[in-house]
PDB file of N, CA and C in Angstrom:
ATOM      1  N   GLY A   1     -22.421  -0.248  14.804  1.00  0.00           N
ATOM      2  CA  GLY A   1     -22.102  -1.609  14.591  1.00  0.00           C
ATOM      3  C   GLY A   1     -20.921  -2.085  14.947  1.00  0.00           C
ATOM      4  N   THR A   2     -19.578  -1.954  15.111  1.00  0.00           N
ATOM      5  CA  THR A   2     -18.225  -2.337  15.383  1.00  0.00           C
ATOM      6  C   THR A   2     -17.727  -1.989  16.511  1.00  0.00           C
ATOM      7  N   GLU A   3     -18.635   0.061  17.194  1.00  0.00           N
ATOM      8  CA  GLU A   3     -18.133   1.003  17.975  1.00  0.00           C
ATOM      9  C   GLU A   3     -18.814   0.121  18.874  1.00  0.00           C
ATOM     10  N   SER A   4     -19.860  -0.276  19.095  1.00  0.00           N
ATOM     11  CA  SER A   4     -20.880  -1.196  20.418  1.00  0.00           C
ATOM     12  C   SER A   4     -20.072  -2.428  21.137  1.00  0.00           C
ATOM     13  N   VAL A   5     -19.886  -2.687  19.582  1.00  0.00           N
ATOM     14  CA  VAL A   5     -19.248  -4.192  20.065  1.00  0.00           C
ATOM     15  C   VAL A   5     -18.119  -3.691  20.894  1.00  0.00           C
ATOM     16  N   CYS A   6     -16.887  -2.771  20.646  1.00  0.00           N
ATOM     17  CA  CYS A   6     -15.942  -2.659  21.189  1.00  0.00           C
ATOM     18  C   CYS A   6     -16.161  -2.066  22.440  1.00  0.00           C
ATOM     19  N   TYR A   7     -16.770  -1.535  22.543  1.00  0.00           N
ATOM     20  CA  TYR A   7     -17.524  -0.822  24.087  1.00  0.00           C
ATOM     21  C   TYR A   7     -17.814  -1.785  25.086  1.00  0.00           C
ATOM     22  N   GLN A   8     -18.918  -2.242  24.454  1.00  0.00           N
ATOM     23  CA  GLN A   8     -19.819  -3.578  25.532  1.00  0.00           C
ATOM     24  C   GLN A   8     -18.476  -4.847  25.507  1.00  0.00           C
ATOM     25  N   PHE A   9     -17.662  -5.082  24.911  1.00  0.00           N
ATOM     26  CA  PHE A   9     -16.048  -5.666  25.265  1.00  0.00           C
ATOM     27  C   PHE A   9     -14.975  -5.470  26.235  1.00  0.00           C
ATOM     28  N   LEU A  10     -15.092  -4.298  26.327  1.00  0.00           N
ATOM     29  CA  LEU A  10     -14.617  -3.888  27.596  1.00  0.00           C
ATOM     30  C   LEU A  10     -14.650  -3.943  28.743  1.00  0.00           C
ATOM     31  N   PHE A  11     -15.949  -3.899  29.086  1.00  0.00           N
ATOM     32  CA  PHE A  11     -16.499  -4.119  30.535  1.00  0.00           C
ATOM     33  C   PHE A  11     -15.852  -4.727  31.218  1.00  0.00           C
ATOM     34  N   PRO A  12     -16.303  -6.684  30.617  1.00  0.00           N
ATOM     35  CA  PRO A  12     -15.180  -7.509  31.803  1.00  0.00           C
ATOM     36  C   PRO A  12     -13.957  -7.638  32.119  1.00  0.00           C
ATOM     37  N   PHE A  13     -13.432  -7.263  31.291  1.00  0.00           N
ATOM     38  CA  PHE A  13     -11.590  -6.895  30.911  1.00  0.00           C
ATOM     39  C   PHE A  13     -11.189  -5.802  31.853  1.00  0.00           C
ATOM     40  N   VAL A  14     -11.667  -4.444  31.635  1.00  0.00           N
ATOM     41  CA  VAL A  14     -10.711  -3.473  31.883  1.00  0.00           C
ATOM     42  C   VAL A  14     -10.294  -2.988  33.290  1.00  0.00           C
ATOM     43  N   PRO A  15     -11.417  -3.166  34.384  1.00  0.00           N
ATOM     44  CA  PRO A  15     -10.990  -3.978  36.117  1.00  0.00           C
ATOM     45  C   PRO A  15      -9.812  -4.982  36.150  1.00  0.00           C
ATOM     46  N   PHE A  16      -9.778  -5.930  35.793  1.00  0.00           N
ATOM     47  CA  PHE A  16      -9.084  -7.239  35.668  1.00  0.00           C
ATOM     48  C   PHE A  16      -7.469  -6.504  35.035  1.00  0.00           C
ATOM     49  N   MET A  17      -7.590  -6.094  33.895  1.00  0.00           N
ATOM     50  CA  MET A  17      -6.566  -4.984  33.108  1.00  0.00           C
ATOM     51  C   MET A  17      -5.805  -4.237  34.383  1.00  0.00           C
ATOM     52  N   VAL A  18      -6.790  -2.442  34.396  1.00  0.00           N
ATOM     53  CA  VAL A  18      -6.113  -2.298  35.418  1.00  0.00           C
ATOM     54  C   VAL A  18      -5.353  -2.523  36.766  1.00  0.00           C
ATOM     55  N   ARG A  19      -6.056  -3.766  37.246  1.00  0.00           N
ATOM     56  CA  ARG A  19      -5.559  -4.157  38.254  1.00  0.00           C
ATOM     57  C   ARG A  19      -4.285  -4.668  38.188  1.00  0.00           C
ATOM     58  N   SER A  20      -4.004  -5.051  36.893  1.00  0.00           N
ATOM     59  CA  SER A  20      -2.637  -6.082  36.785  1.00  0.00           C
ATOM     60  C   SER A  20      -1.793  -5.662  36.092  1.00  0.00           C
ATOM     61  N   PHE A  21      -2.060  -3.586  36.301  1.00  0.00           N
ATOM     62  CA  PHE A  21      -1.163  -2.632  35.600  1.00  0.00           C
ATOM     63  C   PHE A  21      -0.621  -1.885  37.520  1.00  0.00           C
ATOM     64  N   GLY A  22      -0.962  -2.678  38.404  1.00  0.00           N
ATOM     65  CA  GLY A  22      -0.172  -2.139  40.111  1.00  0.00           C
ATOM     66  C   GLY A  22      -1.777  -0.783  40.430  1.00  0.00           C
ATOM     67  N   VAL A  23      -2.187  -0.808  39.775  1.00  0.00           N
ATOM     68  CA  VAL A  23      -3.063   0.130  40.313  1.00  0.00           C
ATOM     69  C   VAL A  23      -3.888   0.069  41.388  1.00  0.00           C
ATOM     70  N   ALA A  24      -3.437   1.115  43.014  1.00  0.00           N
ATOM     71  CA  ALA A  24      -4.145   0.735  43.661  1.00  0.00           C
ATOM     72  C   ALA A  24      -5.780  -0.047  43.825  1.00  0.00           C
ATOM     73  N   GLU A  25      -6.440  -0.987  44.769  1.00  0.00           N
ATOM     74  CA  GLU A  25      -7.749  -1.578  44.616  1.00  0.00           C
ATOM     75  C   GLU A  25      -8.263  -0.348  44.972  1.00  0.00           C
ATOM     76  N   GLU A  26      -8.392   0.655  45.468  1.00  0.00           N
ATOM     77  CA  GLU A  26     -10.098   1.526  46.080  1.00  0.00           C
ATOM     78  C   GLU A  26      -9.552   2.381  44.624  1.00  0.00           C
ATOM     79  N   ASP A  27      -8.644   2.666  43.590  1.00  0.00           N
ATOM     80  CA  ASP A  27      -8.836   3.358  42.528  1.00  0.00           C
ATOM     81  C   ASP A  27      -9.408   2.659  41.220  1.00  0.00           C
ATOM     82  N   VAL A  28      -8.978   1.350  41.391  1.00  0.00           N
ATOM     83  CA  VAL A  28      -9.447   0.120  40.086  1.00  0.00           C
ATOM     84  C   VAL A  28     -11.109   0.634  39.243  1.00  0.00           C
ATOM     85  N   GLY A  29     -11.778   1.289  39.901  1.00  0.00           N
ATOM     86  CA  GLY A  29     -13.199   1.498  39.454  1.00  0.00           C
ATOM     87  C   GLY A  29     -12.910   3.015  38.804  1.00  0.00           C
ATOM     88  N   PHE A  30     -12.470   3.888  39.769  1.00  0.00           N
ATOM     89  CA  PHE A  30     -11.813   4.997  38.997  1.00  0.00           C
ATOM     90  C   PHE A  30     -11.132   5.567  37.691  1.00  0.00           C
ATOM     91  N   SER A  31     -10.453   4.655  37.519  1.00  0.00           N
ATOM     92  CA  SER A  31      -9.459   4.264  36.802  1.00  0.00           C
ATOM     93  C   SER A  31     -10.191   3.675  35.451  1.00  0.00           C
ATOM     94  N   SER A  32     -10.710   2.655  35.460  1.00  0.00           N
ATOM     95  CA  SER A  32     -11.904   2.265  34.706  1.00  0.00           C
ATOM     96  C   SER A  32     -12.691   3.045  33.954  1.00  0.00           C
ATOM     97  N   GLY A  33     -13.583   3.332  34.741  1.00  0.00           N
ATOM     98  CA  GLY A  33     -14.621   4.489  34.108  1.00  0.00           C
ATOM     99  C   GLY A  33     -13.502   5.622  33.480  1.00  0.00           C
ATOM    100  N   TRP A  34     -12.858   6.067  33.748  1.00  0.00           N
ATOM    101  CA  TRP A  34     -11.749   7.135  32.652  1.00  0.00           C
ATOM    102  C   TRP A  34     -11.706   5.848  31.369  1.00  0.00           C
ATOM    103  N   ILE A  35     -11.288   5.071  31.636  1.00  0.00           N
ATOM    104  CA  ILE A  35     -11.137   4.292  30.375  1.00  0.00           C
ATOM    105  C   ILE A  35     -12.407   3.964  29.422  1.00  0.00           C
ATOM    106  N   ALA A  36     -13.197   3.583  29.923  1.00  0.00           N
ATOM    107  CA  ALA A  36     -14.500   3.478  29.325  1.00  0.00           C
ATOM    108  C   ALA A  36     -15.228   5.058  28.761  1.00  0.00           C
ATOM    109  N   SER A  37     -14.622   6.214  29.673  1.00  0.00           N
ATOM    110  CA  SER A  37     -15.607   7.586  29.301  1.00  0.00           C
ATOM    111  C   SER A  37     -15.006   8.210  28.600  1.00  0.00           C
ATOM    112  N   ALA A  38     -13.242   7.234  28.007  1.00  0.00           N
ATOM    113  CA  ALA A  38     -12.638   8.372  26.953  1.00  0.00           C
ATOM    114  C   ALA A  38     -12.818   7.826  25.710  1.00  0.00           C
ATOM    115  N   PHE A  39     -12.763   6.466  25.486  1.00  0.00           N
ATOM    116  CA  PHE A  39     -13.766   5.560  24.958  1.00  0.00           C
ATOM    117  C   PHE A  39     -15.118   6.466  23.896  1.00  0.00           C
ATOM    118  N   MET A  40     -15.726   6.720  24.667  1.00  0.00           N
ATOM    119  CA  MET A  40     -16.761   7.463  24.269  1.00  0.00           C
ATOM    120  C   MET A  40     -16.696   9.272  23.772  1.00  0.00           C
ATOM    121  N   ILE A  41     -16.044   9.810  24.710  1.00  0.00           N
ATOM    122  CA  ILE A  41     -15.625  11.188  24.089  1.00  0.00           C
ATOM    123  C   ILE A  41     -14.691  11.171  23.230  1.00  0.00           C
ATOM    124  N   GLY A  42     -14.118  10.147  22.784  1.00  0.00           N
ATOM    125  CA  GLY A  42     -13.215   9.955  21.428  1.00  0.00           C
ATOM    126  C   GLY A  42     -14.794  10.307  20.483  1.00  0.00           C
ATOM    127  N   GLN A  43     -15.473   9.346  20.445  1.00  0.00           N
ATOM    128  CA  GLN A  43     -16.327   8.748  19.521  1.00  0.00           C
ATOM    129  C   GLN A  43     -17.601  10.151  19.381  1.00  0.00           C
ATOM    130  N   LEU A  44     -17.687  10.947  20.586  1.00  0.00           N
ATOM    131  CA  LEU A  44     -18.254  12.280  20.531  1.00  0.00           C
ATOM    132  C   LEU A  44     -17.592  13.394  19.657  1.00  0.00           C
ATOM    133  N   PHE A  45     -16.283  13.389  19.406  1.00  0.00           N
ATOM    134  CA  PHE A  45     -15.848  14.672  18.824  1.00  0.00           C
ATOM    135  C   PHE A  45     -15.360  14.037  18.246  1.00  0.00           C
ATOM    136  N   SER A  46     -14.812  12.829  17.047  1.00  0.00           N
ATOM    137  CA  SER A  46     -14.541  12.447  16.012  1.00  0.00           C
ATOM    138  C   SER A  46     -15.965  11.994  14.643  1.00  0.00           C
ATOM    139  N   SER A  47     -17.203  12.310  15.731  1.00  0.00           N
ATOM    140  CA  SER A  47     -17.985  11.717  14.691  1.00  0.00           C
ATOM    141  C   SER A  47     -18.183  13.063  13.554  1.00  0.00           C
ATOM    142  N   ILE A  48     -18.274  14.330  14.167  1.00  0.00           N
ATOM    143  CA  ILE A  48     -18.391  15.358  13.284  1.00  0.00           C
ATOM    144  C   ILE A  48     -17.582  15.201  11.718  1.00  0.00           C
ATOM    145  N   PHE A  49     -15.858  14.552  12.263  1.00  0.00           N
ATOM    146  CA  PHE A  49     -15.316  14.490  11.397  1.00  0.00           C
ATOM    147  C   PHE A  49     -15.357  13.874  10.779  1.00  0.00           C
ATOM    148  N   TRP A  50     -16.154  12.587  10.597  1.00  0.00           N
ATOM    149  CA  TRP A  50     -16.076  11.416   9.820  1.00  0.00           C
ATOM    150  C   TRP A  50     -17.640  11.518   9.216  1.00  0.00           C
ATOM    151  N   GLY A  51     -18.837  11.777   9.550  1.00  0.00           N
ATOM    152  CA  GLY A  51     -19.642  12.468   9.056  1.00  0.00           C
ATOM    153  C   GLY A  51     -19.861  13.548   7.703  1.00  0.00           C
ATOM    154  N   TRP A  52     -18.670  14.106   7.708  1.00  0.00           N
ATOM    155  CA  TRP A  52     -18.081  14.884   6.896  1.00  0.00           C
ATOM    156  C   TRP A  52     -16.995  14.220   5.759  1.00  0.00           C
ATOM    157  N   ALA A  53     -16.216  13.442   7.183  1.00  0.00           N
ATOM    158  CA  ALA A  53     -15.758  12.789   5.068  1.00  0.00           C
ATOM    159  C   ALA A  53     -16.643  11.951   4.669  1.00  0.00           C
ATOM    160  N   SER A  54     -17.281  11.059   5.473  1.00  0.00           N
ATOM    161  CA  SER A  54     -18.142  10.597   4.566  1.00  0.00           C
ATOM    162  C   SER A  54     -19.093  10.840   3.168  1.00  0.00           C
ATOM    163  N   ASP A  55     -19.700  12.417   3.295  1.00  0.00           N
ATOM    164  CA  ASP A  55     -20.140  13.221   2.466  1.00  0.00           C
ATOM    165  C   ASP A  55     -19.047  13.563   1.269  1.00  0.00           C
ATOM    166  N   ARG A  56     -18.298  13.475   1.967  1.00  0.00           N
ATOM    167  CA  ARG A  56     -16.808  13.854   0.761  1.00  0.00           C
ATOM    168  C   ARG A  56     -15.974  13.096   0.180  1.00  0.00           C
ATOM    169  N   ILE A  57     -15.769  11.803   0.596  1.00  0.00           N
ATOM    170  CA  ILE A  57     -15.318  10.981  -0.525  1.00  0.00           C
ATOM    171  C   ILE A  57     -15.995   9.458  -0.057  1.00  0.00           C
ATOM    172  N   GLY A  58     -17.003   9.534   0.191  1.00  0.00           N
ATOM    173  CA  GLY A  58     -17.687   8.261   0.327  1.00  0.00           C
ATOM    174  C   GLY A  58     -17.998   7.763   1.449  1.00  0.00           C
ATOM    175  N   ILE A  59     -19.524   6.979   2.089  1.00  0.00           N
ATOM    176  CA  ILE A  59     -19.208   6.315   2.653  1.00  0.00           C
ATOM    177  C   ILE A  59     -18.317   5.161   2.974  1.00  0.00           C
ATOM    178  N   ARG A  60     -18.580   4.169   1.434  1.00  0.00           N
ATOM    179  CA  ARG A  60     -17.714   3.198   1.713  1.00  0.00           C
ATOM    180  C   ARG A  60     -16.254   3.195   2.286  1.00  0.00           C
ATOM    181  N   PRO A  61     -15.279   4.031   1.768  1.00  0.00           N
ATOM    182  CA  PRO A  61     -13.895   4.359   2.104  1.00  0.00           C
ATOM    183  C   PRO A  61     -13.882   4.574   3.770  1.00  0.00           C
ATOM    184  N   VAL A  62     -15.061   4.918   4.348  1.00  0.00           N
ATOM    185  CA  VAL A  62     -14.929   6.042   6.046  1.00  0.00           C
ATOM    186  C   VAL A  62     -14.905   4.424   6.279  1.00  0.00           C
ATOM    187  N   ILE A  63     -16.289   3.646   6.132  1.00  0.00           N
ATOM    188  CA  ILE A  63     -16.248   2.598   6.882  1.00  0.00           C
ATOM    189  C   ILE A  63     -14.944   1.286   6.860  1.00  0.00           C
ATOM    190  N   MET A  64     -14.299   1.757   5.254  1.00  0.00           N
ATOM    191  CA  MET A  64     -13.699   0.609   5.214  1.00  0.00           C
ATOM    192  C   MET A  64     -12.264   1.212   6.766  1.00  0.00           C
ATOM    193  N   PHE A  65     -12.096   1.777   6.607  1.00  0.00           N
ATOM    194  CA  PHE A  65     -10.544   2.707   7.309  1.00  0.00           C
ATOM    195  C   PHE A  65     -11.193   2.654   9.060  1.00  0.00           C
ATOM    196  N   GLY A  66     -12.826   2.533   9.226  1.00  0.00           N
ATOM    197  CA  GLY A  66     -13.315   2.715  10.432  1.00  0.00           C
ATOM    198  C   GLY A  66     -12.778   1.443  11.230  1.00  0.00           C
ATOM    199  N   LEU A  67     -13.020   0.580  10.311  1.00  0.00           N
ATOM    200  CA  LEU A  67     -13.352  -0.984  10.379  1.00  0.00           C
ATOM    201  C   LEU A  67     -11.942  -1.454  10.833  1.00  0.00           C
ATOM    202  N   ALA A  68     -11.240  -0.911   9.683  1.00  0.00           N
ATOM    203  CA  ALA A  68      -9.390  -1.572   9.622  1.00  0.00           C
ATOM    204  C   ALA A  68      -8.881  -0.615  11.098  1.00  0.00           C
ATOM    205  N   ALA A  69      -9.295   0.528  11.246  1.00  0.00           N
ATOM    206  CA  ALA A  69      -9.135   1.346  12.287  1.00  0.00           C
ATOM    207  C   ALA A  69      -9.072   0.757  13.437  1.00  0.00           C
ATOM    208  N   THR A  70     -10.407   0.345  13.824  1.00  0.00           N
ATOM    209  CA  THR A  70     -10.974  -0.434  15.313  1.00  0.00           C
ATOM    210  C   THR A  70     -10.503  -1.505  15.397  1.00  0.00           C
ATOM    211  N   VAL A  71     -10.031  -2.631  14.635  1.00  0.00           N
ATOM    212  CA  VAL A  71      -9.346  -3.449  14.105  1.00  0.00           C
ATOM    213  C   VAL A  71      -8.177  -3.095  15.371  1.00  0.00           C
ATOM    214  N   VAL A  72      -7.051  -2.522  14.602  1.00  0.00           N
ATOM    215  CA  VAL A  72      -5.972  -2.124  15.116  1.00  0.00           C
ATOM    216  C   VAL A  72      -5.371  -1.673  16.596  1.00  0.00           C
ATOM    217  N   CYS A  73      -6.992  -0.562  16.822  1.00  0.00           N
ATOM    218  CA  CYS A  73      -6.574   0.187  18.531  1.00  0.00           C
ATOM    219  C   CYS A  73      -7.298  -1.181  18.858  1.00  0.00           C
ATOM    220  N   THR A  74      -8.105  -1.445  18.550  1.00  0.00           N
ATOM    221  CA  THR A  74      -8.680  -2.741  19.753  1.00  0.00           C
ATOM    222  C   THR A  74      -7.877  -3.758  20.065  1.00  0.00           C
ATOM    223  N   ILE A  75      -6.536  -4.244  19.039  1.00  0.00           N
ATOM    224  CA  ILE A  75      -5.583  -5.020  19.718  1.00  0.00           C
ATOM    225  C   ILE A  75      -4.983  -4.076  20.141  1.00  0.00           C
ATOM    226  N   SER A  76      -4.056  -3.334  19.594  1.00  0.00           N
ATOM    227  CA  SER A  76      -3.374  -1.905  20.835  1.00  0.00           C
ATOM    228  C   SER A  76      -4.085  -1.799  22.667  1.00  0.00           C
ATOM    229  N   PHE A  77      -5.100  -1.932  22.379  1.00  0.00           N
ATOM    230  CA  PHE A  77      -5.305  -1.802  23.612  1.00  0.00           C
ATOM    231  C   PHE A  77      -5.290  -3.581  24.265  1.00  0.00           C
ATOM    232  N   GLY A  78      -6.160  -4.477  23.799  1.00  0.00           N
ATOM    233  CA  GLY A  78      -5.696  -5.155  24.510  1.00  0.00           C
ATOM    234  C   GLY A  78      -4.014  -6.054  24.673  1.00  0.00           C
ATOM    235  N   CYS A  79      -3.339  -5.362  23.895  1.00  0.00           N
ATOM    236  CA  CYS A  79      -2.129  -5.335  24.400  1.00  0.00           C
ATOM    237  C   CYS A  79      -1.046  -4.510  24.958  1.00  0.00           C
ATOM    238  N   SER A  80      -1.529  -3.294  25.574  1.00  0.00           N
ATOM    239  CA  SER A  80      -1.179  -3.048  26.701  1.00  0.00           C
ATOM    240  C   SER A  80      -0.812  -2.813  27.590  1.00  0.00           C
ATOM    241  N   GLN A  81       0.625  -1.940  28.019  1.00  0.00           N
ATOM    242  CA  GLN A  81       0.690  -2.589  29.746  1.00  0.00           C
ATOM    243  C   GLN A  81       0.895  -1.552  30.958  1.00  0.00           C
ATOM    244  N   SER A  82       0.521  -0.604  29.837  1.00  0.00           N
ATOM    245  CA  SER A  82       0.631   0.043  31.053  1.00  0.00           C
ATOM    246  C   SER A  82      -0.915   1.285  30.883  1.00  0.00           C
ATOM    247  N   LEU A  83      -1.271   2.147  31.927  1.00  0.00           N
ATOM    248  CA  LEU A  83      -2.239   3.241  31.466  1.00  0.00           C
ATOM    249  C   LEU A  83      -1.608   4.030  31.044  1.00  0.00           C
TER     250      LEU A  83
END
């Protein structure tokens, strides 16, 4: 759901954002790739926990928390001023 939207939302903006942080032009692609990779690595390591949590407390609270966390983290990422 929302993770794929956020992941696709990153690609048009990340290189410009990284460039605005003063990263050398030849390192912009590398830094942008690390940012995108960090998102997917976070999903890899947290998916087991979220599966366990949804089995334990129910899927609705987990989805609501995940949606709220996605909104907060996306806004925080968009407002960040440094890598």
